[in-house]
PDB file of N, CA and C in Angstrom:
ATOM      1  N   MET A   1     -18.764  32.449 -78.342  1.00  0.00           N
ATOM      2  CA  MET A   1     -18.486  32.065 -79.419  1.00  0.00           C
ATOM      3  C   MET A   1     -18.512  30.368 -80.146  1.00  0.00           C
ATOM      4  N   ASN A   2     -17.670  29.868 -79.143  1.00  0.00           N
ATOM      5  CA  ASN A   2     -17.281  28.371 -79.316  1.00  0.00           C
ATOM      6  C   ASN A   2     -18.844  27.858 -80.212  1.00  0.00           C
ATOM      7  N   PHE A   3     -19.789  28.201 -79.307  1.00  0.00           N
ATOM      8  CA  PHE A   3     -20.928  27.488 -79.426  1.00  0.00           C
ATOM      9  C   PHE A   3     -21.888  28.004 -80.824  1.00  0.00           C
ATOM     10  N   VAL A   4     -21.429  29.232 -81.144  1.00  0.00           N
ATOM     11  CA  VAL A   4     -22.003  29.595 -82.255  1.00  0.00           C
ATOM     12  C   VAL A   4     -20.997  28.806 -83.507  1.00  0.00           C
ATOM     13  N   PHE A   5     -19.626  28.970 -83.335  1.00  0.00           N
ATOM     14  CA  PHE A   5     -19.038  28.387 -84.212  1.00  0.00           C
ATOM     15  C   PHE A   5     -19.270  26.936 -84.733  1.00  0.00           C
ATOM     16  N   TYR A   6     -19.254  25.951 -83.787  1.00  0.00           N
ATOM     17  CA  TYR A   6     -19.639  24.530 -83.773  1.00  0.00           C
ATOM     18  C   TYR A   6     -20.995  24.020 -83.514  1.00  0.00           C
ATOM     19  N   ASN A   7     -22.032  24.962 -83.776  1.00  0.00           N
ATOM     20  CA  ASN A   7     -23.482  24.328 -83.814  1.00  0.00           C
ATOM     21  C   ASN A   7     -23.944  25.255 -84.361  1.00  0.00           C
ATOM     22  N   GLN A   8     -24.245  24.771 -86.171  1.00  0.00           N
ATOM     23  CA  GLN A   8     -24.834  25.682 -87.211  1.00  0.00           C
ATOM     24  C   GLN A   8     -26.274  25.740 -86.811  1.00  0.00           C
ATOM     25  N   ASN A   9     -27.049  25.049 -85.970  1.00  0.00           N
ATOM     26  CA  ASN A   9     -28.375  25.484 -85.442  1.00  0.00           C
ATOM     27  C   ASN A   9     -28.404  26.430 -84.051  1.00  0.00           C
ATOM     28  N   TYR A  10     -27.266  27.459 -83.762  1.00  0.00           N
ATOM     29  CA  TYR A  10     -27.307  27.898 -82.554  1.00  0.00           C
ATOM     30  C   TYR A  10     -28.263  28.715 -82.581  1.00  0.00           C
ATOM     31  N   ALA A  11     -28.939  29.296 -83.529  1.00  0.00           N
ATOM     32  CA  ALA A  11     -29.999  30.462 -83.300  1.00  0.00           C
ATOM     33  C   ALA A  11     -31.714  29.469 -83.413  1.00  0.00           C
ATOM     34  N   ARG A  12     -31.454  28.335 -83.019  1.00  0.00           N
ATOM     35  CA  ARG A  12     -32.947  27.689 -83.225  1.00  0.00           C
ATOM     36  C   ARG A  12     -33.022  26.922 -82.109  1.00  0.00           C
ATOM     37  N   TYR A  13     -34.371  26.484 -81.885  1.00  0.00           N
ATOM     38  CA  TYR A  13     -34.241  25.927 -80.633  1.00  0.00           C
ATOM     39  C   TYR A  13     -33.918  24.241 -80.760  1.00  0.00           C
ATOM     40  N   ARG A  14     -34.090  23.544 -81.588  1.00  0.00           N
ATOM     41  CA  ARG A  14     -33.411  22.455 -82.097  1.00  0.00           C
ATOM     42  C   ARG A  14     -31.790  22.603 -81.481  1.00  0.00           C
ATOM     43  N   GLY A  15     -31.293  23.559 -81.688  1.00  0.00           N
ATOM     44  CA  GLY A  15     -29.722  23.593 -81.229  1.00  0.00           C
ATOM     45  C   GLY A  15     -29.343  24.049 -79.896  1.00  0.00           C
ATOM     46  N   LEU A  16     -30.710  24.007 -79.017  1.00  0.00           N
ATOM     47  CA  LEU A  16     -30.284  23.877 -77.533  1.00  0.00           C
ATOM     48  C   LEU A  16     -30.060  22.252 -77.378  1.00  0.00           C
ATOM     49  N   PRO A  17     -28.951  22.099 -76.212  1.00  0.00           N
ATOM     50  CA  PRO A  17     -28.757  21.288 -75.733  1.00  0.00           C
ATOM     51  C   PRO A  17     -30.055  20.116 -74.910  1.00  0.00           C
ATOM     52  N   ASP A  18     -30.017  18.475 -75.042  1.00  0.00           N
ATOM     53  CA  ASP A  18     -31.093  17.817 -74.414  1.00  0.00           C
ATOM     54  C   ASP A  18     -31.528  18.381 -73.073  1.00  0.00           C
ATOM     55  N   TRP A  19     -30.568  18.872 -72.754  1.00  0.00           N
ATOM     56  CA  TRP A  19     -31.173  19.359 -71.039  1.00  0.00           C
ATOM     57  C   TRP A  19     -31.515  20.530 -71.051  1.00  0.00           C
ATOM     58  N   ALA A  20     -31.592  21.486 -72.123  1.00  0.00           N
ATOM     59  CA  ALA A  20     -31.951  22.714 -71.957  1.00  0.00           C
ATOM     60  C   ALA A  20     -33.460  22.882 -72.259  1.00  0.00           C
ATOM     61  N   ARG A  21     -33.794  22.070 -73.608  1.00  0.00           N
ATOM     62  CA  ARG A  21     -34.905  21.585 -74.095  1.00  0.00           C
ATOM     63  C   ARG A  21     -35.821  21.028 -73.327  1.00  0.00           C
ATOM     64  N   SER A  22     -35.282  19.839 -72.500  1.00  0.00           N
ATOM     65  CA  SER A  22     -36.410  19.320 -71.677  1.00  0.00           C
ATOM     66  C   SER A  22     -36.632  20.256 -70.228  1.00  0.00           C
ATOM     67  N   THR A  23     -36.364  21.244 -70.040  1.00  0.00           N
ATOM     68  CA  THR A  23     -35.988  21.841 -68.894  1.00  0.00           C
ATOM     69  C   THR A  23     -37.295  22.878 -69.180  1.00  0.00           C
ATOM     70  N   LEU A  24     -36.689  23.453 -70.454  1.00  0.00           N
ATOM     71  CA  LEU A  24     -38.314  24.345 -71.170  1.00  0.00           C
ATOM     72  C   LEU A  24     -39.441  23.863 -71.443  1.00  0.00           C
ATOM     73  N   GLU A  25     -39.337  22.546 -71.674  1.00  0.00           N
ATOM     74  CA  GLU A  25     -40.751  21.734 -71.706  1.00  0.00           C
ATOM     75  C   GLU A  25     -41.462  21.618 -70.818  1.00  0.00           C
ATOM     76  N   ALA A  26     -40.705  21.221 -69.612  1.00  0.00           N
ATOM     77  CA  ALA A  26     -41.209  20.675 -68.442  1.00  0.00           C
ATOM     78  C   ALA A  26     -41.866  21.902 -67.480  1.00  0.00           C
ATOM     79  N   HIS A  27     -41.613  23.112 -68.038  1.00  0.00           N
ATOM     80  CA  HIS A  27     -41.915  24.119 -67.570  1.00  0.00           C
ATOM     81  C   HIS A  27     -42.766  25.115 -68.755  1.00  0.00           C
ATOM     82  N   ARG A  28     -42.899  24.531 -69.563  1.00  0.00           N
ATOM     83  CA  ARG A  28     -43.675  25.143 -70.735  1.00  0.00           C
ATOM     84  C   ARG A  28     -44.907  26.048 -70.417  1.00  0.00           C
ATOM     85  N   GLN A  29     -46.156  25.130 -69.673  1.00  0.00           N
ATOM     86  CA  GLN A  29     -47.254  25.545 -69.368  1.00  0.00           C
ATOM     87  C   GLN A  29     -47.142  26.668 -67.760  1.00  0.00           C
ATOM     88  N   ASP A  30     -45.763  26.823 -67.088  1.00  0.00           N
ATOM     89  CA  ASP A  30     -45.546  27.946 -66.292  1.00  0.00           C
ATOM     90  C   ASP A  30     -46.428  29.043 -66.275  1.00  0.00           C
ATOM     91  N   LEU A  31     -46.896  29.906 -65.277  1.00  0.00           N
ATOM     92  CA  LEU A  31     -47.493  31.056 -65.422  1.00  0.00           C
ATOM     93  C   LEU A  31     -46.749  31.858 -65.685  1.00  0.00           C
ATOM     94  N   ARG A  32     -46.574  33.151 -66.510  1.00  0.00           N
ATOM     95  CA  ARG A  32     -45.813  34.164 -66.859  1.00  0.00           C
ATOM     96  C   ARG A  32     -46.321  35.562 -66.312  1.00  0.00           C
ATOM     97  N   SER A  33     -45.707  36.244 -65.483  1.00  0.00           N
ATOM     98  CA  SER A  33     -45.981  37.643 -64.727  1.00  0.00           C
ATOM     99  C   SER A  33     -46.344  38.209 -66.013  1.00  0.00           C
ATOM    100  N   THR A  34     -45.342  38.284 -67.111  1.00  0.00           N
ATOM    101  CA  THR A  34     -45.313  39.249 -68.559  1.00  0.00           C
ATOM    102  C   THR A  34     -45.291  38.673 -69.446  1.00  0.00           C
ATOM    103  N   VAL A  35     -45.786  38.411 -70.339  1.00  0.00           N
ATOM    104  CA  VAL A  35     -45.600  37.911 -71.994  1.00  0.00           C
ATOM    105  C   VAL A  35     -45.169  38.968 -73.063  1.00  0.00           C
ATOM    106  N   TYR A  36     -44.062  38.961 -73.662  1.00  0.00           N
ATOM    107  CA  TYR A  36     -43.534  40.334 -74.418  1.00  0.00           C
ATOM    108  C   TYR A  36     -43.546  39.735 -75.830  1.00  0.00           C
ATOM    109  N   SER A  37     -44.060  40.384 -76.915  1.00  0.00           N
ATOM    110  CA  SER A  37     -44.101  40.383 -78.106  1.00  0.00           C
ATOM    111  C   SER A  37     -42.630  39.941 -78.669  1.00  0.00           C
ATOM    112  N   ARG A  38     -42.646  39.172 -79.951  1.00  0.00           N
ATOM    113  CA  ARG A  38     -41.111  39.078 -80.401  1.00  0.00           C
ATOM    114  C   ARG A  38     -40.640  40.489 -80.606  1.00  0.00           C
ATOM    115  N   PRO A  39     -41.271  41.264 -81.747  1.00  0.00           N
ATOM    116  CA  PRO A  39     -40.542  42.674 -81.710  1.00  0.00           C
ATOM    117  C   PRO A  39     -40.303  43.228 -80.338  1.00  0.00           C
ATOM    118  N   ALA A  40     -40.922  43.293 -79.454  1.00  0.00           N
ATOM    119  CA  ALA A  40     -40.355  44.058 -78.093  1.00  0.00           C
ATOM    120  C   ALA A  40     -39.259  43.373 -77.572  1.00  0.00           C
ATOM    121  N   LEU A  41     -39.054  42.014 -77.522  1.00  0.00           N
ATOM    122  CA  LEU A  41     -37.914  41.225 -77.181  1.00  0.00           C
ATOM    123  C   LEU A  41     -36.868  41.478 -77.953  1.00  0.00           C
ATOM    124  N   GLU A  42     -37.028  41.395 -79.521  1.00  0.00           N
ATOM    125  CA  GLU A  42     -35.835  42.018 -80.378  1.00  0.00           C
ATOM    126  C   GLU A  42     -35.393  43.685 -80.121  1.00  0.00           C
ATOM    127  N   ALA A  43     -36.145  44.545 -79.228  1.00  0.00           N
ATOM    128  CA  ALA A  43     -36.137  45.859 -79.112  1.00  0.00           C
ATOM    129  C   ALA A  43     -35.633  45.736 -77.970  1.00  0.00           C
ATOM    130  N   ALA A  44     -35.615  44.920 -77.218  1.00  0.00           N
ATOM    131  CA  ALA A  44     -35.226  45.143 -75.643  1.00  0.00           C
ATOM    132  C   ALA A  44     -35.820  46.012 -74.894  1.00  0.00           C
ATOM    133  N   GLU A  45     -37.058  45.434 -75.452  1.00  0.00           N
ATOM    134  CA  GLU A  45     -38.321  46.398 -74.721  1.00  0.00           C
ATOM    135  C   GLU A  45     -38.923  45.743 -73.333  1.00  0.00           C
ATOM    136  N   THR A  46     -38.292  45.708 -72.500  1.00  0.00           N
ATOM    137  CA  THR A  46     -38.632  44.867 -71.656  1.00  0.00           C
ATOM    138  C   THR A  46     -38.907  45.848 -69.801  1.00  0.00           C
ATOM    139  N   HIS A  47     -39.365  45.248 -69.096  1.00  0.00           N
ATOM    140  CA  HIS A  47     -39.110  45.920 -67.831  1.00  0.00           C
ATOM    141  C   HIS A  47     -37.851  46.135 -66.975  1.00  0.00           C
ATOM    142  N   ASP A  48     -37.334  44.638 -67.457  1.00  0.00           N
ATOM    143  CA  ASP A  48     -35.836  44.951 -66.870  1.00  0.00           C
ATOM    144  C   ASP A  48     -35.001  46.092 -67.130  1.00  0.00           C
ATOM    145  N   PRO A  49     -33.842  46.319 -66.224  1.00  0.00           N
ATOM    146  CA  PRO A  49     -33.385  47.309 -66.383  1.00  0.00           C
ATOM    147  C   PRO A  49     -31.701  46.817 -66.972  1.00  0.00           C
ATOM    148  N   TRP A  50     -31.690  47.655 -68.081  1.00  0.00           N
ATOM    149  CA  TRP A  50     -30.325  47.006 -68.944  1.00  0.00           C
ATOM    150  C   TRP A  50     -29.487  48.029 -68.680  1.00  0.00           C
ATOM    151  N   GLY A  51     -28.878  48.128 -67.467  1.00  0.00           N
ATOM    152  CA  GLY A  51     -27.824  49.188 -67.272  1.00  0.00           C
ATOM    153  C   GLY A  51     -26.731  48.610 -67.990  1.00  0.00           C
ATOM    154  N   GLU A  52     -25.946  49.970 -68.124  1.00  0.00           N
ATOM    155  CA  GLU A  52     -24.472  49.595 -68.890  1.00  0.00           C
ATOM    156  C   GLU A  52     -23.619  49.484 -67.552  1.00  0.00           C
ATOM    157  N   ARG A  53     -22.260  48.574 -67.591  1.00  0.00           N
ATOM    158  CA  ARG A  53     -21.216  48.440 -66.830  1.00  0.00           C
ATOM    159  C   ARG A  53     -19.845  49.670 -67.531  1.00  0.00           C
ATOM    160  N   ALA A  54     -19.550  50.205 -66.541  1.00  0.00           N
ATOM    161  CA  ALA A  54     -18.044  50.676 -67.626  1.00  0.00           C
ATOM    162  C   ALA A  54     -17.308  49.891 -68.197  1.00  0.00           C
ATOM    163  N   ILE A  55     -16.477  50.471 -69.090  1.00  0.00           N
ATOM    164  CA  ILE A  55     -15.895  50.013 -69.915  1.00  0.00           C
ATOM    165  C   ILE A  55     -16.549  48.463 -70.895  1.00  0.00           C
ATOM    166  N   PHE A  56     -17.241  47.860 -69.866  1.00  0.00           N
ATOM    167  CA  PHE A  56     -17.713  46.469 -71.063  1.00  0.00           C
ATOM    168  C   PHE A  56     -19.248  47.056 -71.499  1.00  0.00           C
ATOM    169  N   GLY A  57     -20.007  47.882 -71.197  1.00  0.00           N
ATOM    170  CA  GLY A  57     -20.773  48.436 -71.572  1.00  0.00           C
ATOM    171  C   GLY A  57     -22.135  46.968 -71.599  1.00  0.00           C
ATOM    172  N   ASN A  58     -22.999  46.659 -72.617  1.00  0.00           N
ATOM    173  CA  ASN A  58     -23.498  45.716 -72.366  1.00  0.00           C
ATOM    174  C   ASN A  58     -23.255  44.375 -72.597  1.00  0.00           C
ATOM    175  N   VAL A  59     -21.255  44.592 -73.467  1.00  0.00           N
ATOM    176  CA  VAL A  59     -20.997  42.889 -73.055  1.00  0.00           C
ATOM    177  C   VAL A  59     -20.665  42.298 -72.030  1.00  0.00           C
ATOM    178  N   ARG A  60     -21.242  40.791 -72.012  1.00  0.00           N
ATOM    179  CA  ARG A  60     -21.051  40.425 -70.698  1.00  0.00           C
ATOM    180  C   ARG A  60     -19.647  39.825 -70.462  1.00  0.00           C
ATOM    181  N   TYR A  61     -18.801  39.949 -69.864  1.00  0.00           N
ATOM    182  CA  TYR A  61     -17.682  39.547 -69.358  1.00  0.00           C
ATOM    183  C   TYR A  61     -17.529  38.580 -68.563  1.00  0.00           C
ATOM    184  N   MET A  62     -16.188  37.591 -68.689  1.00  0.00           N
ATOM    185  CA  MET A  62     -16.158  36.683 -67.980  1.00  0.00           C
ATOM    186  C   MET A  62     -14.845  36.715 -66.968  1.00  0.00           C
ATOM    187  N   ASN A  63     -14.999  36.718 -65.567  1.00  0.00           N
ATOM    188  CA  ASN A  63     -13.706  36.944 -64.663  1.00  0.00           C
ATOM    189  C   ASN A  63     -13.290  35.595 -64.500  1.00  0.00           C
ATOM    190  N   ASP A  64     -11.778  35.490 -63.759  1.00  0.00           N
ATOM    191  CA  ASP A  64     -11.449  34.242 -63.608  1.00  0.00           C
ATOM    192  C   ASP A  64     -12.153  33.275 -62.686  1.00  0.00           C
ATOM    193  N   ARG A  65     -13.006  33.882 -61.684  1.00  0.00           N
ATOM    194  CA  ARG A  65     -13.713  33.069 -61.079  1.00  0.00           C
ATOM    195  C   ARG A  65     -14.855  32.133 -62.123  1.00  0.00           C
ATOM    196  N   GLY A  66     -15.487  32.757 -62.826  1.00  0.00           N
ATOM    197  CA  GLY A  66     -16.388  32.273 -64.190  1.00  0.00           C
ATOM    198  C   GLY A  66     -15.649  30.866 -64.708  1.00  0.00           C
ATOM    199  N   LEU A  67     -14.493  31.211 -65.092  1.00  0.00           N
ATOM    200  CA  LEU A  67     -13.670  30.692 -66.065  1.00  0.00           C
ATOM    201  C   LEU A  67     -13.363  29.311 -65.258  1.00  0.00           C
ATOM    202  N   ARG A  68     -13.271  29.422 -64.165  1.00  0.00           N
ATOM    203  CA  ARG A  68     -12.651  28.482 -62.848  1.00  0.00           C
ATOM    204  C   ARG A  68     -14.220  27.561 -62.632  1.00  0.00           C
ATOM    205  N   ARG A  69     -14.788  28.101 -62.535  1.00  0.00           N
ATOM    206  CA  ARG A  69     -15.808  27.254 -62.266  1.00  0.00           C
ATOM    207  C   ARG A  69     -16.513  26.404 -63.619  1.00  0.00           C
ATOM    208  N   LYS A  70     -16.230  26.899 -64.787  1.00  0.00           N
ATOM    209  CA  LYS A  70     -16.540  26.328 -65.666  1.00  0.00           C
ATOM    210  C   LYS A  70     -15.472  25.106 -66.599  1.00  0.00           C
ATOM    211  N   PHE A  71     -14.524  25.782 -66.327  1.00  0.00           N
ATOM    212  CA  PHE A  71     -13.394  24.477 -66.913  1.00  0.00           C
ATOM    213  C   PHE A  71     -11.847  24.638 -66.198  1.00  0.00           C
ATOM    214  N   ASP A  72     -10.996  23.726 -66.416  1.00  0.00           N
ATOM    215  CA  ASP A  72      -9.645  23.607 -65.657  1.00  0.00           C
ATOM    216  C   ASP A  72      -8.728  24.809 -66.324  1.00  0.00           C
ATOM    217  N   ILE A  73      -9.074  25.762 -65.837  1.00  0.00           N
ATOM    218  CA  ILE A  73      -8.098  27.059 -66.613  1.00  0.00           C
ATOM    219  C   ILE A  73      -7.035  26.471 -66.536  1.00  0.00           C
ATOM    220  N   ASP A  74      -6.211  26.057 -65.103  1.00  0.00           N
ATOM    221  CA  ASP A  74      -4.984  25.990 -64.863  1.00  0.00           C
ATOM    222  C   ASP A  74      -4.052  24.814 -66.049  1.00  0.00           C
ATOM    223  N   ARG A  75      -5.056  23.918 -66.359  1.00  0.00           N
ATOM    224  CA  ARG A  75      -4.592  22.868 -67.519  1.00  0.00           C
ATOM    225  C   ARG A  75      -4.713  23.476 -68.921  1.00  0.00           C
ATOM    226  N   TYR A  76      -5.380  24.226 -69.184  1.00  0.00           N
ATOM    227  CA  TYR A  76      -5.506  25.330 -70.396  1.00  0.00           C
ATOM    228  C   TYR A  76      -4.217  26.281 -70.312  1.00  0.00           C
ATOM    229  N   ILE A  77      -3.613  26.663 -69.094  1.00  0.00           N
ATOM    230  CA  ILE A  77      -2.974  27.604 -69.310  1.00  0.00           C
ATOM    231  C   ILE A  77      -1.388  26.797 -69.387  1.00  0.00           C
ATOM    232  N   ARG A  78      -1.333  25.811 -68.928  1.00  0.00           N
ATOM    233  CA  ARG A  78      -0.073  25.047 -68.954  1.00  0.00           C
ATOM    234  C   ARG A  78      -0.100  24.503 -70.477  1.00  0.00           C
ATOM    235  N   ARG A  79      -1.360  23.858 -71.328  1.00  0.00           N
ATOM    236  CA  ARG A  79      -0.913  23.591 -72.357  1.00  0.00           C
ATOM    237  C   ARG A  79      -0.815  24.991 -73.265  1.00  0.00           C
ATOM    238  N   ILE A  80      -1.508  25.683 -73.296  1.00  0.00           N
ATOM    239  CA  ILE A  80      -0.914  26.902 -74.417  1.00  0.00           C
ATOM    240  C   ILE A  80       0.512  27.327 -73.919  1.00  0.00           C
ATOM    241  N   THR A  81       0.958  27.427 -72.570  1.00  0.00           N
ATOM    242  CA  THR A  81       2.338  27.526 -72.801  1.00  0.00           C
ATOM    243  C   THR A  81       3.333  26.749 -73.309  1.00  0.00           C
ATOM    244  N   GLU A  82       2.737  25.386 -73.101  1.00  0.00           N
ATOM    245  CA  GLU A  82       3.625  24.190 -73.399  1.00  0.00           C
ATOM    246  C   GLU A  82       3.827  24.311 -75.143  1.00  0.00           C
ATOM    247  N   MET A  83       2.778  24.880 -75.720  1.00  0.00           N
ATOM    248  CA  MET A  83       2.553  25.133 -77.053  1.00  0.00           C
ATOM    249  C   MET A  83       3.681  26.326 -77.605  1.00  0.00           C
ATOM    250  N   GLN A  84       4.275  27.102 -76.895  1.00  0.00           N
ATOM    251  CA  GLN A  84       4.983  28.106 -77.404  1.00  0.00           C
ATOM    252  C   GLN A  84       6.369  27.952 -77.601  1.00  0.00           C
TER     253      GLN A  84
END
């Protein structure tokens, strides 16, 4: 949500960070086992299983371990607690 809120180009290639664009460019010519059309991708018509999870369905969730890998959650909690 933050990425979309703060990046007006979130849905465009140029909206990707430099590191993401450079690695995609480096692998542009790699062979693909399957190439999908845009309509097929937009309709999620791929060979991948799109299994749904209980409660969350297809919504990606973030557990505490994932949060701890991404940022200092304890510092964030202290900051929020101090604001109250």
